[in-house]
PDB file of all heavy atoms in Angstrom:
ATOM      1  N   ILE A   1      14.518  34.612 -21.311  1.00  0.00           N
ATOM      2  CA  ILE A   1      14.589  33.758 -22.496  1.00  0.00           C
ATOM      3  C   ILE A   1      15.012  32.348 -22.102  1.00  0.00           C
ATOM      4  O   ILE A   1      14.434  31.353 -22.578  1.00  0.00           O
ATOM      5  CB  ILE A   1      15.569  34.338 -23.548  1.00  0.00           C
ATOM      6  CG1 ILE A   1      15.080  35.689 -24.044  1.00  0.00           C
ATOM      7  CG2 ILE A   1      15.794  33.359 -24.695  1.00  0.00           C
ATOM      8  CD1 ILE A   1      13.804  35.653 -24.849  1.00  0.00           C
ATOM      9  N   PHE A   2      16.004  32.234 -21.224  1.00  0.00           N
ATOM     10  CA  PHE A   2      16.446  30.916 -20.755  1.00  0.00           C
ATOM     11  C   PHE A   2      15.294  30.126 -20.157  1.00  0.00           C
ATOM     12  O   PHE A   2      15.087  28.952 -20.479  1.00  0.00           O
ATOM     13  CB  PHE A   2      17.577  31.062 -19.720  1.00  0.00           C
ATOM     14  CG  PHE A   2      17.913  29.779 -19.020  1.00  0.00           C
ATOM     15  CD1 PHE A   2      18.724  28.828 -19.618  1.00  0.00           C
ATOM     16  CD2 PHE A   2      17.385  29.508 -17.755  1.00  0.00           C
ATOM     17  CE1 PHE A   2      19.020  27.640 -18.963  1.00  0.00           C
ATOM     18  CE2 PHE A   2      17.669  28.322 -17.103  1.00  0.00           C
ATOM     19  CZ  PHE A   2      18.494  27.377 -17.718  1.00  0.00           C
ATOM     20  N   TRP A   3      14.519  30.769 -19.283  1.00  0.00           N
ATOM     21  CA  TRP A   3      13.416  30.059 -18.632  1.00  0.00           C
ATOM     22  C   TRP A   3      12.293  29.734 -19.607  1.00  0.00           C
ATOM     23  O   TRP A   3      11.658  28.683 -19.513  1.00  0.00           O
ATOM     24  CB  TRP A   3      12.897  30.836 -17.416  1.00  0.00           C
ATOM     25  CG  TRP A   3      13.822  30.653 -16.255  1.00  0.00           C
ATOM     26  CD1 TRP A   3      14.627  31.595 -15.694  1.00  0.00           C
ATOM     27  CD2 TRP A   3      14.069  29.432 -15.547  1.00  0.00           C
ATOM     28  NE1 TRP A   3      15.360  31.036 -14.679  1.00  0.00           N
ATOM     29  CE2 TRP A   3      15.039  29.714 -14.560  1.00  0.00           C
ATOM     30  CE3 TRP A   3      13.584  28.138 -15.650  1.00  0.00           C
ATOM     31  CZ2 TRP A   3      15.512  28.744 -13.682  1.00  0.00           C
ATOM     32  CZ3 TRP A   3      14.049  27.167 -14.775  1.00  0.00           C
ATOM     33  CH2 TRP A   3      15.001  27.468 -13.814  1.00  0.00           C
ATOM     34  N   MET A   4      12.054  30.602 -20.569  1.00  0.00           N
ATOM     35  CA  MET A   4      11.029  30.313 -21.570  1.00  0.00           C
ATOM     36  C   MET A   4      11.419  29.093 -22.406  1.00  0.00           C
ATOM     37  O   MET A   4      10.596  28.216 -22.670  1.00  0.00           O
ATOM     38  CB  MET A   4      10.797  31.525 -22.477  1.00  0.00           C
ATOM     39  CG  MET A   4      10.048  32.656 -21.808  1.00  0.00           C
ATOM     40  SD  MET A   4       9.789  34.051 -22.928  1.00  0.00           S
ATOM     41  CE  MET A   4       8.440  33.405 -23.920  1.00  0.00           C
ATOM     42  N   VAL A   5      12.693  29.026 -22.812  1.00  0.00           N
ATOM     43  CA  VAL A   5      13.178  27.878 -23.585  1.00  0.00           C
ATOM     44  C   VAL A   5      13.130  26.616 -22.735  1.00  0.00           C
ATOM     45  O   VAL A   5      12.698  25.550 -23.201  1.00  0.00           O
ATOM     46  CB  VAL A   5      14.605  28.137 -24.125  1.00  0.00           C
ATOM     47  CG1 VAL A   5      15.218  26.872 -24.700  1.00  0.00           C
ATOM     48  CG2 VAL A   5      14.589  29.247 -25.169  1.00  0.00           C
ATOM     49  N   THR A   6      13.545  26.725 -21.486  1.00  0.00           N
ATOM     50  CA  THR A   6      13.532  25.574 -20.577  1.00  0.00           C
ATOM     51  C   THR A   6      12.109  25.042 -20.390  1.00  0.00           C
ATOM     52  O   THR A   6      11.875  23.825 -20.471  1.00  0.00           O
ATOM     53  CB  THR A   6      14.146  25.951 -19.212  1.00  0.00           C
ATOM     54  OG1 THR A   6      15.485  26.392 -19.422  1.00  0.00           O
ATOM     55  CG2 THR A   6      14.125  24.785 -18.249  1.00  0.00           C
ATOM     56  N   ILE A   7      11.177  25.928 -20.167  1.00  0.00           N
ATOM     57  CA  ILE A   7       9.778  25.525 -19.978  1.00  0.00           C
ATOM     58  C   ILE A   7       9.236  24.908 -21.271  1.00  0.00           C
ATOM     59  O   ILE A   7       8.557  23.878 -21.238  1.00  0.00           O
ATOM     60  CB  ILE A   7       8.923  26.717 -19.502  1.00  0.00           C
ATOM     61  CG1 ILE A   7       9.319  27.087 -18.069  1.00  0.00           C
ATOM     62  CG2 ILE A   7       7.435  26.406 -19.593  1.00  0.00           C
ATOM     63  CD1 ILE A   7       8.790  28.415 -17.592  1.00  0.00           C
ATOM     64  N   HIS A   8       9.554  25.530 -22.412  1.00  0.00           N
ATOM     65  CA  HIS A   8       9.094  24.985 -23.689  1.00  0.00           C
ATOM     66  C   HIS A   8       9.641  23.577 -23.905  1.00  0.00           C
ATOM     67  O   HIS A   8       8.898  22.657 -24.288  1.00  0.00           O
ATOM     68  CB  HIS A   8       9.503  25.903 -24.843  1.00  0.00           C
ATOM     69  CG  HIS A   8       9.093  25.404 -26.184  1.00  0.00           C
ATOM     70  ND1 HIS A   8       7.774  25.393 -26.595  1.00  0.00           N
ATOM     71  CD2 HIS A   8       9.805  24.857 -27.189  1.00  0.00           C
ATOM     72  CE1 HIS A   8       7.704  24.873 -27.812  1.00  0.00           C
ATOM     73  NE2 HIS A   8       8.932  24.534 -28.189  1.00  0.00           N
ATOM     74  N   LEU A   9      10.931  23.395 -23.655  1.00  0.00           N
ATOM     75  CA  LEU A   9      11.538  22.069 -23.827  1.00  0.00           C
ATOM     76  C   LEU A   9      10.935  21.059 -22.854  1.00  0.00           C
ATOM     77  O   LEU A   9      10.791  19.879 -23.193  1.00  0.00           O
ATOM     78  CB  LEU A   9      13.049  22.147 -23.673  1.00  0.00           C
ATOM     79  CG  LEU A   9      13.782  22.851 -24.818  1.00  0.00           C
ATOM     80  CD1 LEU A   9      15.268  22.979 -24.507  1.00  0.00           C
ATOM     81  CD2 LEU A   9      13.553  22.132 -26.135  1.00  0.00           C
ATOM     82  N   THR A  10      10.566  21.508 -21.662  1.00  0.00           N
ATOM     83  CA  THR A  10       9.895  20.628 -20.701  1.00  0.00           C
ATOM     84  C   THR A  10       8.563  20.157 -21.267  1.00  0.00           C
ATOM     85  O   THR A  10       8.217  18.973 -21.169  1.00  0.00           O
ATOM     86  CB  THR A  10       9.685  21.354 -19.354  1.00  0.00           C
ATOM     87  OG1 THR A  10      10.962  21.754 -18.848  1.00  0.00           O
ATOM     88  CG2 THR A  10       8.987  20.466 -18.346  1.00  0.00           C
ATOM     89  N   PHE A  11       7.811  21.068 -21.890  1.00  0.00           N
ATOM     90  CA  PHE A  11       6.547  20.684 -22.520  1.00  0.00           C
ATOM     91  C   PHE A  11       6.783  19.694 -23.667  1.00  0.00           C
ATOM     92  O   PHE A  11       6.057  18.711 -23.811  1.00  0.00           O
ATOM     93  CB  PHE A  11       5.794  21.907 -23.059  1.00  0.00           C
ATOM     94  CG  PHE A  11       5.226  22.815 -22.003  1.00  0.00           C
ATOM     95  CD1 PHE A  11       5.169  24.183 -22.214  1.00  0.00           C
ATOM     96  CD2 PHE A  11       4.737  22.317 -20.808  1.00  0.00           C
ATOM     97  CE1 PHE A  11       4.633  25.025 -21.252  1.00  0.00           C
ATOM     98  CE2 PHE A  11       4.200  23.153 -19.843  1.00  0.00           C
ATOM     99  CZ  PHE A  11       4.149  24.510 -20.061  1.00  0.00           C
ATOM    100  N   VAL A  12       7.805  19.952 -24.476  1.00  0.00           N
ATOM    101  CA  VAL A  12       8.102  19.070 -25.597  1.00  0.00           C
ATOM    102  C   VAL A  12       8.471  17.673 -25.097  1.00  0.00           C
ATOM    103  O   VAL A  12       7.935  16.664 -25.577  1.00  0.00           O
ATOM    104  CB  VAL A  12       9.242  19.649 -26.479  1.00  0.00           C
ATOM    105  CG1 VAL A  12       9.724  18.632 -27.496  1.00  0.00           C
ATOM    106  CG2 VAL A  12       8.775  20.924 -27.179  1.00  0.00           C
ATOM    107  N   VAL A  13       9.369  17.600 -24.119  1.00  0.00           N
ATOM    108  CA  VAL A  13       9.785  16.304 -23.571  1.00  0.00           C
ATOM    109  C   VAL A  13       8.593  15.598 -22.926  1.00  0.00           C
ATOM    110  O   VAL A  13       8.408  14.383 -23.100  1.00  0.00           O
ATOM    111  CB  VAL A  13      10.954  16.479 -22.570  1.00  0.00           C
ATOM    112  CG1 VAL A  13      11.231  15.199 -21.794  1.00  0.00           C
ATOM    113  CG2 VAL A  13      12.213  16.935 -23.307  1.00  0.00           C
ATOM    114  N   SER A  14       7.757  16.337 -22.211  1.00  0.00           N
ATOM    115  CA  SER A  14       6.561  15.741 -21.607  1.00  0.00           C
ATOM    116  C   SER A  14       5.649  15.150 -22.674  1.00  0.00           C
ATOM    117  O   SER A  14       5.110  14.054 -22.502  1.00  0.00           O
ATOM    118  CB  SER A  14       5.776  16.785 -20.805  1.00  0.00           C
ATOM    119  OG  SER A  14       6.539  17.260 -19.740  1.00  0.00           O
ATOM    120  N   GLY A  15       5.479  15.870 -23.773  1.00  0.00           N
ATOM    121  CA  GLY A  15       4.643  15.376 -24.862  1.00  0.00           C
ATOM    122  C   GLY A  15       5.202  14.104 -25.470  1.00  0.00           C
ATOM    123  O   GLY A  15       4.468  13.152 -25.724  1.00  0.00           O
ATOM    124  N   VAL A  16       6.508  14.087 -25.683  1.00  0.00           N
ATOM    125  CA  VAL A  16       7.138  12.893 -26.250  1.00  0.00           C
ATOM    126  C   VAL A  16       6.992  11.717 -25.289  1.00  0.00           C
ATOM    127  O   VAL A  16       6.675  10.590 -25.699  1.00  0.00           O
ATOM    128  CB  VAL A  16       8.623  13.168 -26.588  1.00  0.00           C
ATOM    129  CG1 VAL A  16       9.362  11.892 -26.926  1.00  0.00           C
ATOM    130  CG2 VAL A  16       8.731  14.178 -27.731  1.00  0.00           C
ATOM    131  N   LEU A  17       7.205  11.962 -23.997  1.00  0.00           N
ATOM    132  CA  LEU A  17       7.067  10.885 -23.010  1.00  0.00           C
ATOM    133  C   LEU A  17       5.625  10.380 -22.923  1.00  0.00           C
ATOM    134  O   LEU A  17       5.395   9.167 -22.824  1.00  0.00           O
ATOM    135  CB  LEU A  17       7.567  11.346 -21.640  1.00  0.00           C
ATOM    136  CG  LEU A  17       9.083  11.540 -21.534  1.00  0.00           C
ATOM    137  CD1 LEU A  17       9.459  12.123 -20.180  1.00  0.00           C
ATOM    138  CD2 LEU A  17       9.821  10.243 -21.798  1.00  0.00           C
ATOM    139  N   LEU A  18       4.642  11.286 -22.957  1.00  0.00           N
ATOM    140  CA  LEU A  18       3.236  10.858 -22.950  1.00  0.00           C
ATOM    141  C   LEU A  18       2.913  10.012 -24.180  1.00  0.00           C
ATOM    142  O   LEU A  18       2.251   8.979 -24.073  1.00  0.00           O
ATOM    143  CB  LEU A  18       2.301  12.072 -22.903  1.00  0.00           C
ATOM    144  CG  LEU A  18       2.032  12.675 -21.545  1.00  0.00           C
ATOM    145  CD1 LEU A  18       1.226  13.970 -21.694  1.00  0.00           C
ATOM    146  CD2 LEU A  18       1.301  11.711 -20.649  1.00  0.00           C
ATOM    147  N   ALA A  19       3.394  10.456 -25.332  1.00  0.00           N
ATOM    148  CA  ALA A  19       3.148   9.693 -26.564  1.00  0.00           C
ATOM    149  C   ALA A  19       3.824   8.323 -26.482  1.00  0.00           C
ATOM    150  O   ALA A  19       3.228   7.309 -26.886  1.00  0.00           O
ATOM    151  CB  ALA A  19       3.655  10.473 -27.775  1.00  0.00           C
ATOM    152  N   ALA A  20       5.035   8.275 -25.948  1.00  0.00           N
ATOM    153  CA  ALA A  20       5.744   6.998 -25.817  1.00  0.00           C
ATOM    154  C   ALA A  20       5.010   6.066 -24.851  1.00  0.00           C
ATOM    155  O   ALA A  20       4.868   4.865 -25.125  1.00  0.00           O
ATOM    156  CB  ALA A  20       7.179   7.235 -25.345  1.00  0.00           C
ATOM    157  N   MET A  21       4.525   6.615 -23.737  1.00  0.00           N
ATOM    158  CA  MET A  21       3.783   5.788 -22.776  1.00  0.00           C
ATOM    159  C   MET A  21       2.504   5.249 -23.405  1.00  0.00           C
ATOM    160  O   MET A  21       2.163   4.079 -23.213  1.00  0.00           O
ATOM    161  CB  MET A  21       3.466   6.583 -21.502  1.00  0.00           C
ATOM    162  CG  MET A  21       4.682   6.832 -20.637  1.00  0.00           C
ATOM    163  SD  MET A  21       4.332   7.610 -19.045  1.00  0.00           S
ATOM    164  CE  MET A  21       3.509   9.096 -19.494  1.00  0.00           C
ATOM    165  N   ASP A  22       1.796   6.089 -24.159  1.00  0.00           N
ATOM    166  CA  ASP A  22       0.577   5.624 -24.830  1.00  0.00           C
ATOM    167  C   ASP A  22       0.901   4.554 -25.870  1.00  0.00           C
ATOM    168  O   ASP A  22       0.169   3.579 -26.013  1.00  0.00           O
ATOM    169  CB  ASP A  22      -0.164   6.795 -25.484  1.00  0.00           C
ATOM    170  CG  ASP A  22      -0.954   7.608 -24.482  1.00  0.00           C
ATOM    171  OD1 ASP A  22      -1.110   7.147 -23.336  1.00  0.00           O
ATOM    172  OD2 ASP A  22      -1.401   8.699 -24.849  1.00  0.00           O
ATOM    173  N   TRP A  23       2.012   4.732 -26.597  1.00  0.00           N
ATOM    174  CA  TRP A  23       2.412   3.743 -27.590  1.00  0.00           C
ATOM    175  C   TRP A  23       2.755   2.417 -26.915  1.00  0.00           C
ATOM    176  O   TRP A  23       2.321   1.361 -27.368  1.00  0.00           O
ATOM    177  CB  TRP A  23       3.614   4.270 -28.386  1.00  0.00           C
ATOM    178  CG  TRP A  23       4.075   3.320 -29.437  1.00  0.00           C
ATOM    179  CD1 TRP A  23       3.501   3.103 -30.662  1.00  0.00           C
ATOM    180  CD2 TRP A  23       5.193   2.441 -29.364  1.00  0.00           C
ATOM    181  NE1 TRP A  23       4.203   2.153 -31.355  1.00  0.00           N
ATOM    182  CE2 TRP A  23       5.258   1.722 -30.574  1.00  0.00           C
ATOM    183  CE3 TRP A  23       6.163   2.194 -28.393  1.00  0.00           C
ATOM    184  CZ2 TRP A  23       6.240   0.780 -30.839  1.00  0.00           C
ATOM    185  CZ3 TRP A  23       7.135   1.254 -28.657  1.00  0.00           C
ATOM    186  CH2 TRP A  23       7.165   0.558 -29.863  1.00  0.00           C
ATOM    187  N   ILE A  24       3.505   2.471 -25.811  1.00  0.00           N
ATOM    188  CA  ILE A  24       3.862   1.245 -25.076  1.00  0.00           C
ATOM    189  C   ILE A  24       2.606   0.559 -24.550  1.00  0.00           C
ATOM    190  O   ILE A  24       2.456  -0.657 -24.653  1.00  0.00           O
ATOM    191  CB  ILE A  24       4.850   1.569 -23.925  1.00  0.00           C
ATOM    192  CG1 ILE A  24       6.201   1.968 -24.511  1.00  0.00           C
ATOM    193  CG2 ILE A  24       4.991   0.383 -22.969  1.00  0.00           C
ATOM    194  CD1 ILE A  24       7.155   2.581 -23.497  1.00  0.00           C
ATOM    195  N   THR A  25       1.689   1.355 -24.002  1.00  0.00           N
ATOM    196  CA  THR A  25       0.434   0.796 -23.483  1.00  0.00           C
ATOM    197  C   THR A  25      -0.364   0.136 -24.596  1.00  0.00           C
ATOM    198  O   THR A  25      -0.879  -0.967 -24.428  1.00  0.00           O
ATOM    199  CB  THR A  25      -0.406   1.894 -22.804  1.00  0.00           C
ATOM    200  OG1 THR A  25       0.355   2.468 -21.744  1.00  0.00           O
ATOM    201  CG2 THR A  25      -1.698   1.347 -22.259  1.00  0.00           C
TER     202      THR A  25
END
């Protein structure tokens, strides 16, 4: 469960960072 949550949060943070980079661009 810990690793599933960690991986999920990694995907969420990656998505937010990609969206932020696209917005900045």
